[in-house]
Amino acid sequence: MGELETRLMLLEDRVAIEDALLAYYTAVDSLGDLDGLVDCFTLDAICDLRDLGLQKLEGHDAIRDFFRGVFEDMTHHAHHVTNFRIARIDGDEAEGRGYVIGRAIGRSGLKVFVHCHYDVRFARTKAGWKISFFDEGSLMPLGDEVSDLHAREGVG
């Protein structure tokens, strides 16, 4: 492959990786697109939310079950993704880091507001780039509403 083709492939990969991440957040904010959300991940993906006091999810079934509960418990979600930086693309693997400000309102009236960082690893699959590892943690102290959410859901 020539230099121009290599550079073009790198640019296409960067756009596809960013699209894979944005597809995840779009599906989360839909509060209903479980298939679209799960499709953002590899079959053996890990979604580690323990830094938020939630669970470490392994594989499509665990991810689907967790977000089914989120979708049932919430009336509104808004995630504002920012400063995403791809740190490495190496063949069929990539990784990056970014930040998100998230707000949610639960059916019970509970309101959640978080500032988080996320570290993500991606894998190139036959269906395109997918998330193979997602680790989200808080940048700002989590308020009591997050603890209340965890207690109410029995999560943690």
Protein backbone atom coordinates (compact mmCIF):
# COMPACT_ATOMS: atom_id res chain seq x y z
CA MET A 1 0.00 0.00 0.00
CA GLY A 2 1.37 3.42 -0.92
CA GLU A 3 1.75 6.40 1.40
CA LEU A 4 -1.38 8.12 0.09
CA GLU A 5 -3.50 5.00 0.53
CA THR A 6 -2.12 4.50 4.06
CA ARG A 7 -2.92 8.08 5.02
CA LEU A 8 -6.41 7.81 3.52
CA MET A 9 -7.08 4.56 5.41
CA LEU A 10 -5.95 6.20 8.67
CA LEU A 11 -8.35 9.10 8.11
CA GLU A 12 -11.21 6.72 7.27
CA ASP A 13 -10.44 4.70 10.41
CA ARG A 14 -10.44 7.82 12.59
CA VAL A 15 -13.86 8.89 11.29
CA ALA A 16 -15.28 5.37 11.68
CA ILE A 17 -13.95 5.10 15.25
CA GLU A 18 -15.49 8.45 16.21
CA ASP A 19 -18.76 7.35 14.57
CA ALA A 20 -18.73 4.13 16.62
CA LEU A 21 -18.41 6.13 19.85
CA LEU A 22 -21.12 8.60 18.85
CA ALA A 23 -23.44 5.73 17.89
CA TYR A 24 -23.09 4.44 21.47
CA TYR A 25 -24.03 7.77 23.07
CA THR A 26 -26.86 8.31 20.59
CA ALA A 27 -28.28 4.88 21.47
CA VAL A 28 -27.92 5.55 25.22
CA ASP A 29 -29.79 8.84 24.88
CA SER A 30 -32.54 7.21 22.80
CA LEU A 31 -33.76 5.37 25.92
CA GLY A 32 -35.05 2.62 23.70
CA ASP A 33 -32.58 1.44 21.06
CA LEU A 34 -31.20 -1.62 22.85
CA ASP A 35 -30.25 -3.37 19.61
CA GLY A 36 -28.40 -0.30 18.34
CA LEU A 37 -26.64 0.13 21.67
CA VAL A 38 -25.51 -3.48 21.94
CA ASP A 39 -24.39 -3.42 18.30
CA CYS A 40 -21.81 -0.75 19.23
CA PHE A 41 -19.86 -3.42 21.16
CA THR A 42 -17.89 -6.52 20.24
CA LEU A 43 -19.49 -9.77 21.44
CA ASP A 44 -16.97 -10.08 24.30
CA ALA A 45 -16.83 -6.37 25.18
CA ILE A 46 -16.33 -5.10 28.70
CA CYS A 47 -18.20 -2.01 29.85
CA ASP A 48 -16.72 -1.05 33.22
CA LEU A 49 -18.87 1.40 35.19
CA ARG A 50 -17.54 0.52 38.65
CA ASP A 51 -15.89 3.93 39.09
CA LEU A 52 -19.44 5.32 39.03
CA GLY A 53 -20.57 2.81 41.63
CA LEU A 54 -22.28 0.65 39.01
CA GLN A 55 -21.29 -2.67 37.49
CA LYS A 56 -18.66 -4.20 35.27
CA LEU A 57 -20.60 -5.60 32.31
CA GLU A 58 -19.14 -8.40 30.22
CA GLY A 59 -20.61 -9.33 26.84
CA HIS A 60 -23.74 -8.40 24.92
CA ASP A 61 -26.21 -10.05 27.30
CA ALA A 62 -24.93 -8.18 30.38
CA ILE A 63 -24.80 -4.88 28.49
CA ARG A 64 -28.33 -5.39 27.15
CA ASP A 65 -29.73 -6.33 30.58
CA PHE A 66 -28.13 -3.33 32.29
CA PHE A 67 -29.33 -0.81 29.73
CA ARG A 68 -32.80 -2.36 29.58
CA GLY A 69 -33.10 -1.39 33.25
CA VAL A 70 -31.70 2.09 32.58
CA PHE A 71 -34.17 2.62 29.74
CA GLU A 72 -37.07 1.47 31.92
CA ASP A 73 -36.07 3.70 34.86
CA MET A 74 -35.33 6.94 32.99
CA THR A 75 -37.52 9.47 31.20
CA HIS A 76 -34.72 11.68 29.85
CA HIS A 77 -31.03 11.30 29.04
CA ALA A 78 -28.58 13.79 27.54
CA HIS A 79 -24.88 13.12 27.05
CA HIS A 80 -22.61 15.82 25.67
CA VAL A 81 -19.41 14.20 24.43
CA THR A 82 -16.32 16.36 24.18
CA ASN A 83 -12.55 16.38 23.69
CA PHE A 84 -12.41 12.85 22.29
CA ARG A 85 -8.88 12.03 21.24
CA ILE A 86 -7.79 8.88 19.49
CA ALA A 87 -4.50 8.00 21.14
CA ARG A 88 -3.58 5.01 19.02
CA ILE A 89 -4.62 3.15 15.91
CA ASP A 90 -2.63 -0.01 15.33
CA GLY A 91 -3.98 -2.32 12.65
CA ASP A 92 -7.32 -3.62 13.87
CA GLU A 93 -7.10 -2.05 17.34
CA ALA A 94 -7.48 1.52 18.55
CA GLU A 95 -7.90 3.40 21.79
CA GLY A 96 -8.97 6.85 22.86
CA ARG A 97 -10.09 9.05 25.71
CA GLY A 98 -12.73 11.70 26.04
CA TYR A 99 -15.12 13.45 28.36
CA VAL A 100 -18.87 13.57 28.80
CA ILE A 101 -21.32 15.70 30.69
CA GLY A 102 -24.47 13.72 31.36
CA ARG A 103 -27.90 14.51 32.73
CA ALA A 104 -30.74 12.15 33.39
CA ILE A 105 -34.20 12.27 34.92
CA GLY A 106 -35.72 9.14 36.38
CA ARG A 107 -39.38 8.15 36.37
CA SER A 108 -39.32 8.72 40.14
CA GLY A 109 -38.23 12.36 39.58
CA LEU A 110 -34.63 11.60 40.50
CA LYS A 111 -32.17 13.92 38.71
CA VAL A 112 -28.59 12.93 37.93
CA PHE A 113 -25.80 15.22 36.70
CA VAL A 114 -22.30 13.87 36.04
CA HIS A 115 -18.98 14.96 34.56
CA CYS A 116 -17.03 11.90 33.46
CA HIS A 117 -14.01 10.74 31.52
CA TYR A 118 -14.05 7.61 29.44
CA ASP A 119 -11.31 5.40 28.11
CA VAL A 120 -12.28 3.26 25.16
CA ARG A 121 -10.64 0.51 23.16
CA PHE A 122 -11.97 -0.40 19.75
CA ALA A 123 -11.60 -3.43 17.50
CA ARG A 124 -12.08 -3.58 13.75
CA THR A 125 -14.65 -6.29 12.94
CA LYS A 126 -16.24 -7.47 9.70
CA ALA A 127 -19.11 -5.09 10.54
CA GLY A 128 -16.77 -2.13 11.19
CA TRP A 129 -15.19 -0.62 14.29
CA LYS A 130 -16.78 -1.68 17.59
CA ILE A 131 -16.13 -0.89 21.24
CA SER A 132 -14.21 -3.73 22.90
CA PHE A 133 -13.61 -2.00 26.26
CA PHE A 134 -15.35 1.02 27.78
CA ASP A 135 -14.30 2.41 31.16
CA GLU A 136 -16.13 5.44 32.55
CA GLY A 137 -15.25 7.31 35.71
CA SER A 138 -16.25 10.52 37.43
CA LEU A 139 -14.23 13.73 37.09
CA MET A 140 -16.29 15.56 39.71
CA PRO A 141 -17.62 14.14 42.96
CA LEU A 142 -20.86 12.28 42.40
CA GLY A 143 -23.80 13.73 44.27
CA ASP A 144 -26.18 11.92 46.57
CA GLU A 145 -28.59 11.44 43.67
CA VAL A 146 -26.21 8.93 42.10
CA SER A 147 -26.01 6.99 45.37
CA ASP A 148 -29.81 7.13 45.57
CA LEU A 149 -30.07 5.83 42.02
CA HIS A 150 -27.76 2.90 42.83
CA ALA A 151 -29.67 2.05 46.00
CA ARG A 152 -33.02 2.24 44.25
CA GLU A 153 -31.83 0.01 41.41
CA GLY A 154 -30.00 -2.40 43.70
CA VAL A 155 -26.89 -1.86 41.60
CA GLY A 156 -23.31 -1.62 42.75
